[in-house]
């Protein structure tokens, strides 16, 4: 009985090792689906000042979430900000973050969808619009 239990434990350990060993190969073999992006008109306001207004690269994600970046796909959107992400957390509510050139994913905070302009998300001290 004791030997059978040891054999079962050994088999489980080998199976777990195989999963860990083969997982990267499975991930590499899986087809990569790139999100489609398009040019949009974007406006970002912070503390009452327009920080960005112009063409941007808009990439839609599942459930209405999206991120925006520079129109040319490279460089900065404005200042040290490379891109801005609007992640839907519930109906009409999102979390907004800005990725900086220093690699910091800065949390801007909670935003609600504007009732006046459905292309805009408004938070405490900021707004992000993409059309």
N, C-alpha and C. Protein backbone atom coordinates (compact mmCIF):
# COMPACT_ATOMS: atom_id res chain seq x y z
N UNK A 1 0.82 -1.19 0.00
CA UNK A 1 0.00 0.00 0.00
C UNK A 1 0.87 1.25 0.00
N UNK A 2 1.88 1.27 0.86
CA UNK A 2 2.78 2.41 0.94
C UNK A 2 3.51 2.61 -0.39
N UNK A 3 3.91 1.54 -1.04
CA UNK A 3 4.61 1.61 -2.32
C UNK A 3 3.69 2.18 -3.41
N UNK A 4 2.44 1.80 -3.40
CA UNK A 4 1.49 2.29 -4.39
C UNK A 4 1.29 3.79 -4.24
N UNK A 5 1.21 4.26 -3.01
CA UNK A 5 1.06 5.68 -2.75
C UNK A 5 2.27 6.45 -3.26
N UNK A 6 3.47 5.92 -3.03
CA UNK A 6 4.69 6.55 -3.51
C UNK A 6 4.71 6.60 -5.04
N UNK A 7 4.27 5.55 -5.69
CA UNK A 7 4.23 5.50 -7.16
C UNK A 7 3.25 6.56 -7.68
N UNK A 8 2.10 6.68 -7.04
CA UNK A 8 1.12 7.68 -7.46
C UNK A 8 1.68 9.10 -7.29
N UNK A 9 2.37 9.35 -6.21
CA UNK A 9 2.99 10.67 -5.99
C UNK A 9 4.05 10.95 -7.04
N UNK A 10 4.84 9.93 -7.36
CA UNK A 10 5.88 10.08 -8.37
C UNK A 10 5.26 10.37 -9.73
N UNK A 11 4.20 9.66 -10.08
CA UNK A 11 3.51 9.90 -11.37
C UNK A 11 2.95 11.32 -11.42
N UNK A 12 2.37 11.78 -10.34
CA UNK A 12 1.83 13.13 -10.29
C UNK A 12 2.93 14.18 -10.46
N UNK A 13 4.06 13.93 -9.82
CA UNK A 13 5.19 14.86 -9.93
C UNK A 13 5.73 14.90 -11.36
N UNK A 14 5.82 13.75 -12.02
CA UNK A 14 6.28 13.68 -13.41
C UNK A 14 5.29 14.40 -14.32
N UNK A 15 4.01 14.18 -14.12
CA UNK A 15 2.99 14.84 -14.94
C UNK A 15 3.06 16.35 -14.78
N UNK A 16 3.23 16.83 -13.55
CA UNK A 16 3.33 18.26 -13.31
C UNK A 16 4.57 18.84 -13.97
N UNK A 17 5.67 18.10 -13.92
CA UNK A 17 6.91 18.55 -14.56
C UNK A 17 6.74 18.64 -16.07
N UNK A 18 6.04 17.67 -16.65
CA UNK A 18 5.82 17.70 -18.10
C UNK A 18 4.96 18.90 -18.50
N UNK A 19 3.95 19.21 -17.70
CA UNK A 19 3.11 20.37 -17.99
C UNK A 19 3.95 21.63 -17.98
N UNK A 20 4.80 21.81 -16.95
CA UNK A 20 5.65 22.98 -16.87
C UNK A 20 6.66 23.04 -18.01
N UNK A 21 7.17 21.88 -18.40
CA UNK A 21 8.16 21.80 -19.47
C UNK A 21 7.53 22.10 -20.83
N UNK A 22 6.33 21.60 -21.08
CA UNK A 22 5.71 21.74 -22.39
C UNK A 22 4.88 23.01 -22.55
N UNK A 23 4.50 23.66 -21.47
CA UNK A 23 3.63 24.84 -21.56
C UNK A 23 4.19 25.93 -22.47
N UNK A 24 5.50 26.28 -22.37
CA UNK A 24 6.01 27.31 -23.28
C UNK A 24 5.90 26.92 -24.76
N UNK A 25 6.11 25.65 -25.08
CA UNK A 25 6.01 25.20 -26.46
C UNK A 25 4.58 25.31 -26.97
N UNK A 26 3.62 25.00 -26.11
CA UNK A 26 2.22 25.11 -26.50
C UNK A 26 1.86 26.56 -26.74
N UNK A 27 2.34 27.46 -25.87
CA UNK A 27 2.04 28.88 -26.04
C UNK A 27 2.66 29.44 -27.31
N UNK A 28 3.87 28.99 -27.64
CA UNK A 28 4.52 29.45 -28.86
C UNK A 28 3.81 28.94 -30.11
N UNK A 29 3.24 27.76 -30.03
CA UNK A 29 2.57 27.17 -31.18
C UNK A 29 1.17 27.75 -31.38
N UNK A 30 0.59 28.34 -30.35
CA UNK A 30 -0.75 28.89 -30.46
C UNK A 30 -0.74 30.10 -31.38
N UNK A 31 -1.75 30.25 -32.22
CA UNK A 31 -1.78 31.40 -33.11
C UNK A 31 -1.92 32.69 -32.32
N UNK A 32 -1.17 33.69 -32.71
CA UNK A 32 -1.23 34.98 -32.06
C UNK A 32 -2.26 35.85 -32.77
N UNK A 33 -3.21 36.37 -32.05
CA UNK A 33 -4.23 37.22 -32.64
C UNK A 33 -3.94 38.66 -32.24
N UNK A 34 -3.57 39.46 -33.21
CA UNK A 34 -3.28 40.86 -32.94
C UNK A 34 -4.56 41.67 -32.99
N UNK A 35 -4.70 42.54 -32.02
CA UNK A 35 -5.86 43.43 -32.03
C UNK A 35 -5.69 44.43 -33.16
N UNK A 36 -6.76 44.70 -33.88
CA UNK A 36 -6.69 45.66 -34.98
C UNK A 36 -6.79 47.06 -34.43
N UNK A 37 -5.95 47.93 -34.96
CA UNK A 37 -6.00 49.32 -34.53
C UNK A 37 -6.39 50.19 -35.72
N UNK A 38 -6.82 51.39 -35.41
CA UNK A 38 -7.20 52.34 -36.45
C UNK A 38 -6.88 53.74 -35.97
N UNK A 39 -6.80 54.66 -36.91
CA UNK A 39 -6.58 56.05 -36.54
C UNK A 39 -7.88 56.63 -36.02
N UNK A 40 -7.76 57.43 -34.99
CA UNK A 40 -8.93 58.06 -34.37
C UNK A 40 -8.58 59.50 -34.00
N UNK A 41 -9.56 60.23 -33.60
CA UNK A 41 -9.37 61.58 -33.09
C UNK A 41 -9.45 61.49 -31.57
N UNK A 42 -8.40 61.88 -30.89
CA UNK A 42 -8.35 61.73 -29.44
C UNK A 42 -8.11 63.07 -28.75
N UNK A 43 -8.57 63.13 -27.52
CA UNK A 43 -8.37 64.33 -26.70
C UNK A 43 -8.19 63.88 -25.25
N UNK A 44 -7.13 64.36 -24.64
CA UNK A 44 -6.85 64.05 -23.24
C UNK A 44 -6.72 65.37 -22.49
N UNK A 45 -7.51 65.51 -21.42
CA UNK A 45 -7.48 66.70 -20.59
C UNK A 45 -7.07 66.28 -19.18
N UNK A 46 -6.15 67.03 -18.59
CA UNK A 46 -5.71 66.75 -17.23
C UNK A 46 -5.68 68.04 -16.45
N UNK A 47 -6.37 68.05 -15.30
CA UNK A 47 -6.44 69.23 -14.43
C UNK A 47 -6.85 70.48 -15.21
N UNK A 48 -7.80 70.31 -16.15
CA UNK A 48 -8.34 71.43 -16.89
C UNK A 48 -7.54 71.86 -18.11
N UNK A 49 -6.37 71.27 -18.31
CA UNK A 49 -5.52 71.63 -19.45
C UNK A 49 -5.54 70.53 -20.51
N UNK A 50 -5.66 70.92 -21.76
CA UNK A 50 -5.62 69.94 -22.85
C UNK A 50 -4.18 69.47 -23.00
N UNK A 51 -3.95 68.18 -22.75
CA UNK A 51 -2.60 67.61 -22.85
C UNK A 51 -2.34 67.05 -24.25
N UNK A 52 -3.41 66.55 -24.88
CA UNK A 52 -3.29 66.01 -26.23
C UNK A 52 -4.61 66.19 -26.96
N UNK A 53 -4.52 66.62 -28.21
CA UNK A 53 -5.70 66.73 -29.06
C UNK A 53 -5.23 66.50 -30.49
N UNK A 54 -5.68 65.41 -31.08
CA UNK A 54 -5.26 65.12 -32.44
C UNK A 54 -5.45 63.65 -32.79
N UNK A 55 -4.77 63.24 -33.85
CA UNK A 55 -4.86 61.86 -34.33
C UNK A 55 -4.11 60.94 -33.38
N UNK A 56 -4.68 59.77 -33.15
CA UNK A 56 -4.04 58.77 -32.32
C UNK A 56 -4.32 57.39 -32.90
N UNK A 57 -3.62 56.41 -32.41
CA UNK A 57 -3.83 55.02 -32.80
C UNK A 57 -4.75 54.41 -31.75
N UNK A 58 -5.94 53.98 -32.16
CA UNK A 58 -6.98 53.44 -31.28
C UNK A 58 -7.02 51.92 -31.46
N UNK A 59 -6.88 51.19 -30.37
CA UNK A 59 -6.95 49.73 -30.42
C UNK A 59 -8.06 49.28 -29.47
N UNK A 60 -9.10 48.68 -30.06
CA UNK A 60 -10.24 48.19 -29.27
C UNK A 60 -9.90 46.83 -28.67
N UNK A 61 -10.38 46.60 -27.47
CA UNK A 61 -10.20 45.33 -26.78
C UNK A 61 -11.59 44.77 -26.48
N UNK A 62 -11.63 43.63 -25.85
CA UNK A 62 -12.90 43.00 -25.49
C UNK A 62 -13.69 43.84 -24.50
N UNK A 63 -15.01 43.79 -24.65
CA UNK A 63 -15.90 44.40 -23.68
C UNK A 63 -15.92 45.92 -23.69
N UNK A 64 -15.39 46.55 -24.73
CA UNK A 64 -15.40 48.00 -24.81
C UNK A 64 -14.13 48.68 -24.32
N UNK A 65 -13.22 47.91 -23.74
CA UNK A 65 -11.94 48.48 -23.30
C UNK A 65 -11.14 48.88 -24.54
N UNK A 66 -10.22 49.81 -24.36
CA UNK A 66 -9.37 50.23 -25.49
C UNK A 66 -8.11 50.88 -24.98
N UNK A 67 -7.16 51.04 -25.87
CA UNK A 67 -6.01 51.87 -25.54
C UNK A 67 -5.68 52.74 -26.73
N UNK A 68 -5.07 53.88 -26.44
CA UNK A 68 -4.68 54.81 -27.48
C UNK A 68 -3.20 55.10 -27.36
N UNK A 69 -2.59 55.33 -28.50
CA UNK A 69 -1.17 55.63 -28.54
C UNK A 69 -0.89 56.59 -29.68
N UNK A 70 0.37 56.86 -29.96
CA UNK A 70 0.73 57.79 -31.03
C UNK A 70 0.22 57.30 -32.38
N UNK A 71 -0.20 58.23 -33.24
CA UNK A 71 -0.77 57.88 -34.54
C UNK A 71 0.20 57.06 -35.39
N UNK A 72 1.47 57.34 -35.29
CA UNK A 72 2.47 56.62 -36.09
C UNK A 72 2.84 55.27 -35.49
N UNK A 73 2.31 54.98 -34.30
CA UNK A 73 2.58 53.69 -33.67
C UNK A 73 3.82 53.65 -32.82
N UNK A 74 4.68 54.64 -32.93
CA UNK A 74 5.91 54.70 -32.14
C UNK A 74 6.05 56.07 -31.50
N UNK A 75 6.83 56.12 -30.46
CA UNK A 75 7.07 57.40 -29.81
C UNK A 75 6.09 57.64 -28.67
N UNK A 76 5.92 58.90 -28.36
CA UNK A 76 5.08 59.30 -27.23
C UNK A 76 3.78 59.91 -27.72
N UNK A 77 2.76 59.69 -26.92
CA UNK A 77 1.47 60.32 -27.20
C UNK A 77 1.58 61.80 -26.85
N UNK A 78 2.11 62.09 -25.65
CA UNK A 78 2.43 63.45 -25.22
C UNK A 78 3.30 63.37 -23.98
N UNK A 79 4.12 64.37 -23.76
CA UNK A 79 5.00 64.39 -22.59
C UNK A 79 5.74 63.08 -22.46
N UNK A 80 5.65 62.45 -21.29
CA UNK A 80 6.29 61.15 -21.08
C UNK A 80 5.32 59.99 -21.28
N UNK A 81 4.09 60.28 -21.72
CA UNK A 81 3.06 59.25 -21.88
C UNK A 81 3.16 58.57 -23.24
N UNK A 82 3.36 57.26 -23.22
CA UNK A 82 3.42 56.47 -24.45
C UNK A 82 2.04 56.05 -24.91
N UNK A 83 1.20 55.65 -23.96
CA UNK A 83 -0.15 55.21 -24.30
C UNK A 83 -1.06 55.35 -23.08
N UNK A 84 -2.37 55.34 -23.37
CA UNK A 84 -3.37 55.41 -22.31
C UNK A 84 -4.33 54.25 -22.50
N UNK A 85 -4.61 53.53 -21.43
CA UNK A 85 -5.53 52.40 -21.47
C UNK A 85 -6.80 52.70 -20.69
N UNK A 86 -7.93 52.38 -21.29
CA UNK A 86 -9.23 52.52 -20.62
C UNK A 86 -9.80 51.10 -20.53
N UNK A 87 -9.84 50.56 -19.32
CA UNK A 87 -10.27 49.19 -19.09
C UNK A 87 -11.63 49.19 -18.40
N UNK A 88 -12.62 48.65 -19.07
CA UNK A 88 -13.98 48.61 -18.52
C UNK A 88 -14.01 47.64 -17.35
N UNK A 89 -14.52 48.11 -16.21
CA UNK A 89 -14.64 47.25 -15.03
C UNK A 89 -16.09 46.89 -14.73
N UNK A 90 -17.01 47.73 -15.17
CA UNK A 90 -18.44 47.46 -15.08
C UNK A 90 -19.13 48.41 -16.06
N UNK A 91 -20.41 48.21 -16.25
CA UNK A 91 -21.13 49.03 -17.22
C UNK A 91 -20.96 50.53 -16.91
N UNK A 92 -20.38 51.26 -17.86
CA UNK A 92 -20.20 52.70 -17.71
C UNK A 92 -19.08 53.12 -16.79
N UNK A 93 -18.28 52.17 -16.30
CA UNK A 93 -17.18 52.47 -15.37
C UNK A 93 -15.89 51.82 -15.88
N UNK A 94 -14.80 52.60 -15.83
CA UNK A 94 -13.51 52.09 -16.32
C UNK A 94 -12.38 52.50 -15.39
N UNK A 95 -11.27 51.80 -15.51
CA UNK A 95 -10.02 52.17 -14.86
C UNK A 95 -9.13 52.72 -15.96
N UNK A 96 -8.48 53.84 -15.71
CA UNK A 96 -7.64 54.46 -16.73
C UNK A 96 -6.20 54.48 -16.22
N UNK A 97 -5.29 54.12 -17.13
CA UNK A 97 -3.86 54.11 -16.82
C UNK A 97 -3.07 54.70 -17.96
N UNK A 98 -1.95 55.28 -17.63
CA UNK A 98 -1.04 55.81 -18.64
C UNK A 98 0.31 55.14 -18.52
N UNK A 99 0.83 54.63 -19.63
CA UNK A 99 2.15 54.01 -19.63
C UNK A 99 3.18 55.08 -19.97
N UNK A 100 4.16 55.23 -19.08
CA UNK A 100 5.17 56.27 -19.29
C UNK A 100 6.39 55.72 -20.01
N UNK A 101 7.20 56.64 -20.53
CA UNK A 101 8.43 56.24 -21.23
C UNK A 101 9.40 55.55 -20.26
N UNK A 102 9.21 55.75 -18.97
CA UNK A 102 10.03 55.08 -17.96
C UNK A 102 9.54 53.67 -17.64
N UNK A 103 8.48 53.24 -18.32
CA UNK A 103 7.94 51.89 -18.11
C UNK A 103 6.97 51.79 -16.95
N UNK A 104 6.55 52.92 -16.41
CA UNK A 104 5.62 52.92 -15.28
C UNK A 104 4.19 52.93 -15.81
N UNK A 105 3.39 51.98 -15.35
CA UNK A 105 1.97 51.92 -15.73
C UNK A 105 1.21 52.69 -14.66
N UNK A 106 1.10 53.98 -14.87
CA UNK A 106 0.56 54.90 -13.89
C UNK A 106 -0.96 54.86 -13.83
N UNK A 107 -1.51 54.62 -12.66
CA UNK A 107 -2.97 54.58 -12.48
C UNK A 107 -3.50 56.00 -12.37
N UNK A 108 -4.35 56.36 -13.33
CA UNK A 108 -4.98 57.68 -13.29
C UNK A 108 -6.23 57.63 -12.43
N UNK A 109 -6.90 56.49 -12.44
CA UNK A 109 -8.06 56.34 -11.59
C UNK A 109 -9.31 55.88 -12.31
N UNK A 110 -10.39 55.91 -11.56
CA UNK A 110 -11.71 55.49 -12.05
C UNK A 110 -12.28 56.58 -12.94
N UNK A 111 -12.97 56.15 -14.00
CA UNK A 111 -13.64 57.10 -14.90
C UNK A 111 -15.01 56.55 -15.24
N UNK A 112 -15.93 57.46 -15.50
CA UNK A 112 -17.27 57.06 -15.93
C UNK A 112 -17.49 57.58 -17.35
N UNK A 113 -18.30 56.87 -18.09
CA UNK A 113 -18.59 57.28 -19.46
C UNK A 113 -19.45 58.54 -19.42
N UNK A 114 -19.07 59.51 -20.21
CA UNK A 114 -19.79 60.77 -20.26
C UNK A 114 -21.18 60.57 -20.85
N UNK A 115 -22.18 61.16 -20.21
CA UNK A 115 -23.54 61.09 -20.74
C UNK A 115 -23.72 62.07 -21.89
N UNK A 116 -22.92 63.14 -21.88
CA UNK A 116 -22.99 64.16 -22.92
C UNK A 116 -22.26 63.74 -24.19
N UNK A 117 -21.12 63.06 -24.04
CA UNK A 117 -20.32 62.62 -25.18
C UNK A 117 -19.86 61.19 -24.92
N UNK A 118 -20.51 60.22 -25.53
CA UNK A 118 -20.26 58.80 -25.26
C UNK A 118 -18.86 58.35 -25.67
N UNK A 119 -18.12 59.19 -26.39
CA UNK A 119 -16.74 58.85 -26.77
C UNK A 119 -15.76 59.20 -25.66
N UNK A 120 -16.27 59.81 -24.59
CA UNK A 120 -15.39 60.31 -23.52
C UNK A 120 -15.59 59.56 -22.20
N UNK A 121 -14.50 59.44 -21.48
CA UNK A 121 -14.47 58.86 -20.15
C UNK A 121 -13.92 59.93 -19.22
N UNK A 122 -14.63 60.20 -18.14
CA UNK A 122 -14.31 61.32 -17.26
C UNK A 122 -13.99 60.81 -15.86
N UNK A 123 -12.82 61.20 -15.37
CA UNK A 123 -12.40 60.84 -14.02
C UNK A 123 -12.14 62.08 -13.20
N UNK A 124 -11.66 61.88 -12.00
CA UNK A 124 -11.33 63.01 -11.12
C UNK A 124 -10.07 63.69 -11.65
N UNK A 125 -10.26 64.84 -12.28
CA UNK A 125 -9.12 65.61 -12.77
C UNK A 125 -8.65 65.26 -14.17
N UNK A 126 -9.35 64.39 -14.87
CA UNK A 126 -8.93 64.03 -16.23
C UNK A 126 -10.11 63.56 -17.06
N UNK A 127 -9.91 63.57 -18.39
CA UNK A 127 -10.86 62.95 -19.30
C UNK A 127 -10.09 62.42 -20.50
N UNK A 128 -10.61 61.34 -21.06
CA UNK A 128 -10.02 60.71 -22.24
C UNK A 128 -11.15 60.52 -23.25
N UNK A 129 -10.98 61.05 -24.45
CA UNK A 129 -11.98 60.91 -25.52
C UNK A 129 -11.31 60.30 -26.75
N UNK A 130 -12.01 59.39 -27.40
CA UNK A 130 -11.52 58.78 -28.63
C UNK A 130 -12.68 58.55 -29.56
N UNK A 131 -12.62 59.09 -30.77
CA UNK A 131 -13.67 58.91 -31.77
C UNK A 131 -13.08 58.43 -33.06
